[in-house]
Amino acid sequence: MAEIIEPRVLKGFRDYLPQDETARRALMEVLERVFRSFGFVPIDTPALEYAEVLLGKGGGETDKQVYRFKDNGDRDVALRFDLTVPFARFMAEHVDELYLPFRRYHMAKVWRGENTQRGRYREFMQCDFDIVGSDSASADTDIILLISDAISALDVGGFTLRINHRGVFNRFLDSLGLRDKSVPILRLVDKAEKVGSDELRRLLSAELGDASAGKLLGYIAKESGFEATLEKIEGLAGGPAADTQRLRDIWRNASAAGMPGSLVLDPSITRGLDYYTGVVFETNLDAMPEIGSVCSGGRYDELASLYTTKRLPGVGSSIGLDRLLAALDALGTVKRRSGYTQVLILDVEESLAPSYHKIARALRAAGIAAEVYPEKKKLSQQFAYAERKAIPLAVILGAEEAERGQAQLRDLASRESATAAFASGDAAELVARAAEILARRGA
């Protein structure tokens, strides 16, 4: 006998059982409806790209997390670590086939060889949405409003959408003479919530000195409201400019659109990746801030310049589905199901198999998910199967029922039964009764 291979998956990777995958798909379906309501269209890109395409401008920490290897053709390739860089390549390659501004969404897996923790895996699903071809406050606002609508549609409770502008931050660094250290400063500030204020002060002092560290900590502190915070950072950055005007325009647009008070100007939001050039944003669940941002992104006007001489300004965001699911799990709000079947037609008599499939087809035509149990077994086994899949309703049609021209409909939760005519193969009444029972049960 051949040696059995131990079934196992790599650390940071995982299988999804039906109850987990149906929960994830339910979130994706909600998000897709919201994306489409804003006029966004779907695309897809390869999981594997040339390494030089992906690593052109990711940043040192990102490079260390990429799964990179030589393929059978000795090509230097890598698995995508996000959906933004492949999208920049996609736009450069297909811009003449598309229209601008172009609104896309993309839901797919990405891979990062980072340390695993709750809600953070090495293989995970991202949902990206971007507007390319417009450098405007209107485009920035639409992404922010889409984030708000998407998180609201997921019914996860309160959330805070924090925004900032890289340009204002860079002007402030210029005023301190620290622009040459912008990359390490951005990385440190981006970790503010993870390390805490005392540790951040220590790290900044070690990098910049106590005086500059104190000024930087004063800059990133929030004031009592959006406009008050904006006035403070504008003054510290040297006065009014296009970047602070962009923040004002976004605030005015979002307020006019009726966005709730979840929009906060937070000068500590910088985003660690190097390709962001303008507004940046992160979204946290109020009930679980410790899990980190569940939706983040920003403006990246120069990213596509790695692949084309055409200027393709863009702004977008990404929802980390797996992190969001982990948060919802902890909050106990994930709705799981073992399957989609609403009606199970039991196999009571093998000779009646044609009738079973006729009933199932009639139910499906009416929008009711139905399946036929594929072989004759004890009814107790078939009921047990229905229970495992949380199927709410069963159809029982045996020889006696067929002779009377009536089928039984069994509510599997209450154990109550009803009858419906099934004479001469006409399933209309049966379908109507099934729909009535399911509606009553909210199934």
Protein backbone atom coordinates (compact mmCIF):
# COMPACT_ATOMS: atom_id res chain seq x y z
CA MET A 1 0.00 0.00 0.00
CA ALA A 2 1.34 3.42 -0.96
CA GLU A 3 2.38 5.75 1.84
CA ILE A 4 -0.35 8.27 2.72
CA ILE A 5 0.63 11.93 2.33
CA GLU A 6 -0.32 13.98 5.36
CA PRO A 7 -2.95 16.54 4.30
CA ARG A 8 -1.81 19.98 5.47
CA VAL A 9 -1.55 23.60 4.34
CA LEU A 10 1.28 26.11 4.66
CA LYS A 11 1.39 28.50 7.61
CA GLY A 12 -0.52 31.65 6.78
CA PHE A 13 -2.70 29.82 4.25
CA ARG A 14 -6.04 28.13 4.89
CA ASP A 15 -8.96 26.22 3.45
CA TYR A 16 -12.44 27.70 3.47
CA LEU A 17 -15.27 25.37 4.48
CA PRO A 18 -18.71 26.13 3.01
CA GLN A 19 -19.94 28.07 6.04
CA ASP A 20 -16.85 30.31 5.86
CA GLU A 21 -16.83 30.75 2.09
CA THR A 22 -20.55 31.53 1.93
CA ALA A 23 -19.99 34.28 4.52
CA ARG A 24 -17.13 35.71 2.46
CA ARG A 25 -19.10 35.50 -0.78
CA ALA A 26 -22.05 37.24 0.89
CA LEU A 27 -19.79 40.18 1.75
CA MET A 28 -18.42 40.23 -1.81
CA GLU A 29 -21.93 40.28 -3.28
CA VAL A 30 -22.86 43.27 -1.12
CA LEU A 31 -19.68 45.09 -2.12
CA GLU A 32 -20.18 44.34 -5.80
CA ARG A 33 -23.65 45.89 -5.69
CA VAL A 34 -22.23 49.06 -4.15
CA PHE A 35 -19.34 49.21 -6.64
CA ARG A 36 -21.74 48.95 -9.55
CA SER A 37 -24.01 51.62 -8.10
CA PHE A 38 -21.08 54.05 -8.47
CA GLY A 39 -20.51 53.03 -12.10
CA PHE A 40 -17.47 50.81 -11.49
CA VAL A 41 -16.73 47.81 -13.75
CA PRO A 42 -14.82 44.57 -12.99
CA ILE A 43 -11.40 43.57 -14.31
CA ASP A 44 -8.92 40.78 -13.58
CA THR A 45 -5.13 40.45 -13.86
CA PRO A 46 -2.69 37.50 -13.58
CA ALA A 47 -1.63 36.30 -10.14
CA LEU A 48 1.94 35.93 -11.42
CA GLU A 49 3.85 38.90 -12.89
CA TYR A 50 7.42 39.67 -13.86
CA ALA A 51 9.24 40.64 -10.66
CA GLU A 52 10.47 43.93 -12.11
CA VAL A 53 6.85 44.90 -12.83
CA LEU A 54 5.74 44.32 -9.24
CA LEU A 55 8.82 45.60 -7.43
CA GLY A 56 9.44 48.77 -9.41
CA LYS A 57 8.26 50.99 -6.55
CA GLY A 58 6.96 48.98 -3.65
CA GLY A 59 9.42 49.96 -0.96
CA GLY A 60 11.97 47.98 1.04
CA GLU A 61 9.54 46.31 3.46
CA THR A 62 7.21 45.29 0.64
CA ASP A 63 10.07 43.71 -1.32
CA LYS A 64 10.86 41.45 1.63
CA GLN A 65 7.28 40.17 1.75
CA VAL A 66 6.95 39.24 -1.94
CA TYR A 67 6.88 35.60 -3.01
CA ARG A 68 9.57 35.72 -5.73
CA PHE A 69 11.17 32.85 -7.64
CA LYS A 70 12.50 31.66 -10.98
CA ASP A 71 9.97 29.78 -13.11
CA ASN A 72 10.69 26.84 -15.42
CA GLY A 73 11.76 29.28 -18.13
CA ASP A 74 14.28 30.87 -15.74
CA ARG A 75 12.21 34.06 -15.66
CA ASP A 76 12.27 36.21 -12.52
CA VAL A 77 8.63 36.23 -11.44
CA ALA A 78 6.59 37.08 -8.34
CA LEU A 79 3.09 36.67 -6.95
CA ARG A 80 1.17 39.94 -6.73
CA PHE A 81 1.31 41.43 -3.21
CA ASP A 82 -1.58 43.82 -3.85
CA LEU A 83 -3.96 44.71 -6.70
CA THR A 84 -2.82 48.32 -7.17
CA VAL A 85 0.58 47.77 -8.81
CA PRO A 86 -0.79 45.17 -11.29
CA PHE A 87 -3.58 47.65 -12.04
CA ALA A 88 -1.02 50.35 -12.89
CA ARG A 89 0.61 47.91 -15.32
CA PHE A 90 -2.84 47.01 -16.68
CA MET A 91 -3.68 50.67 -17.35
CA ALA A 92 -0.37 51.34 -19.07
CA GLU A 93 -0.84 48.30 -21.29
CA HIS A 94 -4.52 48.82 -22.16
CA VAL A 95 -5.12 52.57 -21.87
CA ASP A 96 -5.78 52.91 -25.62
CA GLU A 97 -8.51 50.25 -25.37
CA LEU A 98 -10.25 51.94 -22.44
CA TYR A 99 -12.00 55.24 -21.70
CA LEU A 100 -10.93 57.84 -19.16
CA PRO A 101 -11.71 58.36 -16.39
CA PHE A 102 -11.83 54.61 -15.85
CA ARG A 103 -13.60 53.18 -12.79
CA ARG A 104 -12.70 49.61 -11.91
CA TYR A 105 -13.15 47.12 -9.12
CA HIS A 106 -11.19 43.93 -8.66
CA MET A 107 -11.75 41.19 -6.08
CA ALA A 108 -8.97 38.61 -6.02
CA LYS A 109 -6.31 36.89 -3.90
CA VAL A 110 -2.91 38.42 -3.14
CA TRP A 111 0.12 37.01 -1.33
CA ARG A 112 2.52 38.46 1.23
CA GLY A 113 5.13 36.55 3.21
CA GLU A 114 4.54 38.47 6.44
CA ASN A 115 4.04 37.45 10.04
CA THR A 116 0.61 35.94 10.62
CA GLN A 117 -1.83 37.16 13.26
CA ARG A 118 -5.56 37.47 13.76
CA GLY A 119 -7.10 38.70 10.55
CA ARG A 120 -3.74 38.75 8.75
CA TYR A 121 -2.70 35.86 6.50
CA ARG A 122 -0.11 35.24 3.79
CA GLU A 123 -2.80 34.50 1.24
CA PHE A 124 -5.84 36.75 1.43
CA MET A 125 -8.57 38.35 -0.60
CA GLN A 126 -8.58 42.03 -1.48
CA CYS A 127 -11.36 44.14 -2.96
CA ASP A 128 -9.97 47.15 -4.80
CA PHE A 129 -11.76 50.05 -6.44
CA ASP A 130 -10.07 52.90 -8.31
CA ILE A 131 -10.70 55.90 -10.54
CA VAL A 132 -7.91 56.54 -13.05
CA GLY A 133 -7.63 59.49 -15.42
CA SER A 134 -8.72 62.31 -13.12
CA ASP A 135 -6.78 64.31 -10.55
CA SER A 136 -9.72 66.02 -8.90
CA ALA A 137 -11.42 66.50 -5.57
CA SER A 138 -14.53 64.97 -7.13
CA ALA A 139 -12.75 61.68 -7.85
CA ASP A 140 -11.25 61.64 -4.35
CA THR A 141 -14.69 62.32 -2.88
CA ASP A 142 -16.32 59.52 -4.86
CA ILE A 143 -13.83 56.99 -3.46
CA ILE A 144 -14.49 58.25 0.07
CA LEU A 145 -18.27 58.13 -0.43
CA LEU A 146 -17.96 54.62 -1.89
CA ILE A 147 -16.00 53.49 1.17
CA SER A 148 -18.70 54.93 3.40
CA ASP A 149 -21.53 53.30 1.45
CA ALA A 150 -19.71 49.95 1.25
CA ILE A 151 -18.94 49.72 4.97
CA SER A 152 -22.46 50.88 5.81
CA ALA A 153 -23.97 48.26 3.48
CA LEU A 154 -22.02 45.53 5.28
CA ASP A 155 -23.91 46.45 8.46
CA VAL A 156 -20.86 46.31 10.72
CA GLY A 157 -21.89 49.13 13.02
CA GLY A 158 -20.08 52.43 13.48
CA PHE A 159 -16.83 53.17 11.69
CA THR A 160 -14.36 56.03 11.32
CA LEU A 161 -12.92 57.02 7.94
CA ARG A 162 -9.69 58.94 8.53
CA ILE A 163 -8.06 60.95 5.76
CA ASN A 164 -4.89 62.98 5.35
CA HIS A 165 -2.81 64.45 2.51
CA ARG A 166 0.78 63.46 1.82
CA GLY A 167 1.46 66.88 0.28
CA VAL A 168 0.68 68.78 3.49
CA PHE A 169 2.83 66.37 5.46
CA ASN A 170 5.73 66.79 3.03
CA ARG A 171 5.50 70.60 3.26
CA PHE A 172 5.66 70.32 7.02
CA LEU A 173 8.78 68.14 6.74
CA ASP A 174 10.29 70.77 4.42
CA SER A 175 9.70 73.44 7.08
CA LEU A 176 11.71 71.31 9.54
CA GLY A 177 14.42 70.52 7.00
CA LEU A 178 13.58 66.82 7.21
CA ARG A 179 12.35 66.07 3.69
CA ASP A 180 15.36 63.87 3.02
CA LYS A 181 14.18 61.63 5.85
CA SER A 182 10.57 61.46 4.68
CA VAL A 183 10.60 57.71 3.95
CA PRO A 184 11.70 56.52 7.43
CA ILE A 185 9.48 59.18 9.05
CA LEU A 186 6.45 58.02 7.04
CA ARG A 187 7.11 54.44 8.05
CA LEU A 188 7.41 55.35 11.74
CA VAL A 189 4.31 57.55 11.80
CA ASP A 190 2.37 54.85 9.95
CA LYS A 191 3.07 52.54 12.90
CA ALA A 192 1.83 55.05 15.51
CA GLU A 193 -1.23 53.06 16.57
CA LYS A 194 0.66 49.79 16.71
CA VAL A 195 3.52 50.99 18.91
CA GLY A 196 1.77 53.66 21.02
CA SER A 197 2.65 57.31 21.62
CA ASP A 198 5.53 56.74 24.06
CA GLU A 199 7.29 54.25 21.80
CA LEU A 200 6.67 56.48 18.76
CA ARG A 201 8.27 59.42 20.59
CA ARG A 202 11.29 57.28 21.44
CA LEU A 203 11.67 56.05 17.84
CA LEU A 204 11.28 59.53 16.37
CA SER A 205 13.72 61.01 18.87
CA ALA A 206 16.28 58.37 17.96
CA GLU A 207 15.79 59.19 14.27
CA LEU A 208 15.40 62.98 14.41
CA GLY A 209 16.31 64.30 17.85
CA ASP A 210 13.99 65.35 20.67
CA ALA A 211 13.09 68.79 19.30
CA SER A 212 12.02 67.60 15.84
CA ALA A 213 10.25 64.58 17.35
CA GLY A 214 8.19 66.89 19.57
CA LYS A 215 7.20 69.12 16.65
CA LEU A 216 6.22 66.08 14.59
CA LEU A 217 4.08 64.65 17.39
CA GLY A 218 2.37 68.02 17.74
CA TYR A 219 1.62 68.05 14.01
CA ILE A 220 0.02 64.60 13.89
CA ALA A 221 -2.26 65.24 16.89
CA LYS A 222 -5.94 65.71 15.94
CA GLU A 223 -7.92 68.78 16.96
CA SER A 224 -11.62 68.93 17.90
CA GLY A 225 -12.94 68.74 14.33
CA PHE A 226 -12.04 68.41 10.65
CA GLU A 227 -11.79 72.14 9.96
CA ALA A 228 -9.88 72.92 13.15
CA THR A 229 -7.36 70.17 12.38
CA LEU A 230 -7.02 71.43 8.81
CA GLU A 231 -6.31 75.00 9.96
CA LYS A 232 -3.62 73.73 12.34
CA ILE A 233 -1.72 71.57 9.86
CA GLU A 234 -2.08 74.23 7.15
CA GLY A 235 -0.39 76.77 9.42
CA LEU A 236 2.37 74.36 10.44
CA ALA A 237 3.00 73.44 6.79
CA GLY A 238 3.52 77.06 5.75
CA GLY A 239 0.03 78.27 4.82
CA PRO A 240 -2.63 77.62 2.15
CA ALA A 241 -1.71 75.54 -0.89
CA ALA A 242 -3.29 73.15 -3.40
CA ASP A 243 -3.04 70.23 -0.96
CA THR A 244 -5.02 71.90 1.84
CA GLN A 245 -7.51 73.25 -0.70
CA ARG A 246 -8.02 69.66 -1.91
CA LEU A 247 -8.88 68.60 1.65
CA ARG A 248 -11.35 71.51 1.94
CA ASP A 249 -13.00 70.58 -1.34
CA ILE A 250 -13.34 66.94 -0.29
CA TRP A 251 -14.88 68.00 3.04
CA ARG A 252 -17.32 70.32 1.26
CA ASN A 253 -18.31 67.65 -1.29
CA ALA A 254 -18.73 64.88 1.28
CA SER A 255 -20.76 67.13 3.57
CA ALA A 256 -23.05 68.17 0.71
CA ALA A 257 -23.56 64.50 -0.18
CA GLY A 258 -24.81 63.85 3.34
CA MET A 259 -21.93 61.66 4.45
CA PRO A 260 -22.28 60.96 8.19
CA GLY A 261 -19.82 62.31 10.71
CA SER A 262 -17.50 59.35 10.26
CA LEU A 263 -15.04 61.41 8.13
CA VAL A 264 -12.11 62.58 10.24
CA LEU A 265 -8.98 64.49 9.26
CA ASP A 266 -6.13 62.63 10.96
CA PRO A 267 -2.58 63.97 10.29
CA SER A 268 -1.07 60.73 11.60
CA ILE A 269 -2.42 58.76 8.61
CA THR A 270 0.45 58.49 6.12
CA ARG A 271 0.23 54.99 4.60
CA GLY A 272 3.56 53.16 4.42
CA LEU A 273 3.74 52.49 0.68
CA ASP A 274 5.85 54.92 -1.35
CA TYR A 275 3.51 55.32 -4.31
CA TYR A 276 0.90 57.51 -2.57
CA THR A 277 1.18 61.17 -3.59
CA GLY A 278 -1.96 62.94 -2.34
CA VAL A 279 -4.90 62.10 -0.08
CA VAL A 280 -4.61 58.89 1.90
CA PHE A 281 -7.26 57.21 4.02
CA GLU A 282 -7.91 54.38 6.46
CA THR A 283 -11.15 52.99 7.87
CA ASN A 284 -11.52 51.46 11.31
CA LEU A 285 -14.46 49.76 12.98
CA ASP A 286 -15.45 51.66 16.12
CA ALA A 287 -16.23 48.43 17.98
CA MET A 288 -12.86 46.90 17.17
CA PRO A 289 -10.13 49.46 16.44
CA GLU A 290 -7.38 47.07 17.52
CA ILE A 291 -7.75 44.99 14.35
CA GLY A 292 -6.50 47.92 12.27
CA SER A 293 -7.79 49.40 9.06
CA VAL A 294 -10.31 47.30 7.13
CA CYS A 295 -10.27 49.67 4.13
CA SER A 296 -7.34 51.86 3.13
CA GLY A 297 -5.86 53.59 0.10
CA GLY A 298 -5.16 56.98 -1.42
CA ARG A 299 -4.06 58.93 -4.48
CA TYR A 300 -1.15 57.62 -6.54
CA ASP A 301 -0.66 60.03 -9.45
CA GLU A 302 2.79 58.79 -10.47
CA LEU A 303 2.50 55.02 -10.12
CA ALA A 304 1.69 54.34 -13.76
CA SER A 305 4.72 56.40 -14.82
CA LEU A 306 6.79 53.28 -14.14
CA TYR A 307 5.21 51.68 -17.20
CA THR A 308 4.18 54.50 -19.56
CA THR A 309 4.98 58.12 -20.46
CA LYS A 310 1.26 58.93 -20.34
CA ARG A 311 0.11 60.61 -17.17
CA LEU A 312 -2.57 58.48 -15.51
CA PRO A 313 -3.48 60.02 -12.16
CA GLY A 314 -5.40 57.65 -9.95
CA VAL A 315 -7.11 57.31 -6.60
CA GLY A 316 -8.43 54.15 -5.02
CA SER A 317 -8.87 51.99 -1.98
CA SER A 318 -8.77 48.38 -0.90
CA ILE A 319 -10.96 46.40 1.49
CA GLY A 320 -9.22 43.52 3.25
CA LEU A 321 -11.99 40.93 3.26
CA ASP A 322 -10.26 38.43 5.49
CA ARG A 323 -9.40 41.04 8.10
CA LEU A 324 -12.97 42.32 7.94
CA LEU A 325 -14.33 38.79 8.39
CA ALA A 326 -12.05 38.24 11.37
CA ALA A 327 -13.42 41.41 12.94
CA LEU A 328 -17.01 40.40 12.28
CA ASP A 329 -16.27 36.96 13.75
CA ALA A 330 -15.00 38.55 16.93
CA LEU A 331 -18.06 40.79 17.07
CA GLY A 332 -20.35 37.80 16.47
CA THR A 333 -22.08 39.38 13.48
CA VAL A 334 -21.01 37.01 10.68
CA LYS A 335 -23.94 35.29 9.03
CA ARG A 336 -22.87 31.80 8.00
CA ARG A 337 -24.74 29.11 6.16
CA SER A 338 -23.82 25.57 5.20
CA GLY A 339 -25.45 25.85 1.80
CA TYR A 340 -27.91 27.72 -0.35
CA THR A 341 -30.52 25.00 -0.81
CA GLN A 342 -34.01 26.03 0.30
CA VAL A 343 -35.88 22.87 -0.63
CA LEU A 344 -34.70 19.26 -0.58
CA ILE A 345 -36.76 16.75 -2.58
CA LEU A 346 -36.40 13.45 -0.76
CA ASP A 347 -35.79 10.22 -2.67
CA VAL A 348 -38.62 8.00 -1.40
CA GLU A 349 -39.26 5.90 -4.51
CA GLU A 350 -36.65 5.35 -7.21
CA SER A 351 -39.33 5.09 -9.92
CA LEU A 352 -40.43 8.64 -9.11
CA ALA A 353 -37.04 10.18 -9.88
CA PRO A 354 -38.43 11.94 -13.03
CA SER A 355 -41.08 13.62 -10.87
CA TYR A 356 -38.48 14.69 -8.32
CA HIS A 357 -36.41 16.42 -10.97
CA LYS A 358 -39.52 18.00 -12.48
CA ILE A 359 -40.40 19.48 -9.08
CA ALA A 360 -36.86 20.71 -8.53
CA ARG A 361 -36.76 22.38 -11.94
CA ALA A 362 -40.10 24.10 -11.30
CA LEU A 363 -38.87 25.39 -7.95
CA ARG A 364 -35.65 26.75 -9.49
CA ALA A 365 -37.63 28.45 -12.25
CA ALA A 366 -39.51 30.29 -9.49
CA GLY A 367 -36.23 31.45 -7.92
CA ILE A 368 -36.17 28.82 -5.17
CA ALA A 369 -32.90 26.91 -4.72
CA ALA A 370 -33.71 23.19 -4.79
CA GLU A 371 -31.89 19.90 -4.96
CA VAL A 372 -32.90 16.25 -5.30
CA TYR A 373 -31.37 13.78 -2.87
CA PRO A 374 -29.50 11.54 -5.31
CA GLU A 375 -30.28 8.06 -4.00
CA LYS A 376 -32.83 6.20 -1.94
CA LYS A 377 -31.74 5.96 1.69
CA LYS A 378 -33.53 5.89 5.01
CA LEU A 379 -35.56 9.03 5.53
CA SER A 380 -33.69 9.61 8.78
CA GLN A 381 -30.43 9.84 6.81
CA GLN A 382 -31.94 12.23 4.29
CA PHE A 383 -33.34 14.42 7.06
CA ALA A 384 -29.93 14.39 8.76
CA TYR A 385 -28.38 15.59 5.51
CA ALA A 386 -30.93 18.42 5.32
CA GLU A 387 -30.13 19.41 8.89
CA ARG A 388 -26.37 19.52 8.22
CA LYS A 389 -27.01 21.88 5.31
CA ALA A 390 -29.62 23.89 7.24
CA ILE A 391 -32.20 23.28 4.51
CA PRO A 392 -35.51 24.67 5.76
CA LEU A 393 -38.02 22.69 3.67
CA ALA A 394 -38.39 19.15 2.34
CA VAL A 395 -40.70 17.70 -0.30
CA ILE A 396 -41.91 14.15 0.29
CA LEU A 397 -43.44 12.31 -2.64
CA GLY A 398 -43.79 8.54 -2.31
CA ALA A 399 -45.98 6.00 -4.09
CA GLU A 400 -49.00 6.75 -1.87
CA GLU A 401 -48.65 10.52 -2.28
CA ALA A 402 -48.25 10.17 -6.04
CA GLU A 403 -51.38 8.04 -6.25
CA ARG A 404 -53.37 10.69 -4.36
CA GLY A 405 -51.86 13.44 -6.53
CA GLN A 406 -50.49 15.27 -3.49
CA ALA A 407 -47.00 15.89 -2.16
CA GLN A 408 -46.02 16.70 1.41
CA LEU A 409 -44.04 19.82 2.31
CA ARG A 410 -42.25 19.40 5.63
CA ASP A 411 -41.01 22.44 7.55
CA LEU A 412 -37.84 20.94 8.97
CA ALA A 413 -37.62 23.34 11.90
CA SER A 414 -41.18 23.11 13.21
CA ARG A 415 -41.77 19.57 11.86
CA GLU A 416 -45.12 20.79 10.54
CA SER A 417 -46.39 19.36 7.25
CA ALA A 418 -48.60 20.76 4.52
CA THR A 419 -49.89 19.20 1.33
CA ALA A 420 -49.89 20.51 -2.20
CA ALA A 421 -51.37 19.10 -5.38
CA PHE A 422 -49.00 17.40 -7.77
CA ALA A 423 -51.44 15.83 -10.20
CA SER A 424 -50.39 15.03 -13.77
CA GLY A 425 -46.96 16.43 -13.01
CA ASP A 426 -48.27 19.97 -12.45
CA ALA A 427 -46.05 21.53 -9.78
CA ALA A 428 -47.62 25.02 -9.76
CA GLU A 429 -49.47 24.60 -6.44
CA LEU A 430 -46.48 22.89 -4.84
CA VAL A 431 -44.20 25.76 -5.85
CA ALA A 432 -46.69 28.34 -4.54
CA ARG A 433 -47.01 26.57 -1.16
CA ALA A 434 -43.24 26.18 -0.88
CA ALA A 435 -42.75 29.90 -1.57
CA GLU A 436 -45.38 30.72 1.05
CA ILE A 437 -43.72 28.58 3.74
CA LEU A 438 -40.25 29.91 2.96
CA ALA A 439 -41.49 33.52 3.05
CA ARG A 440 -43.08 32.90 6.42
CA ARG A 441 -39.82 31.52 7.73
CA GLY A 442 -37.75 34.28 6.17
CA ALA A 443 -35.76 31.66 4.29
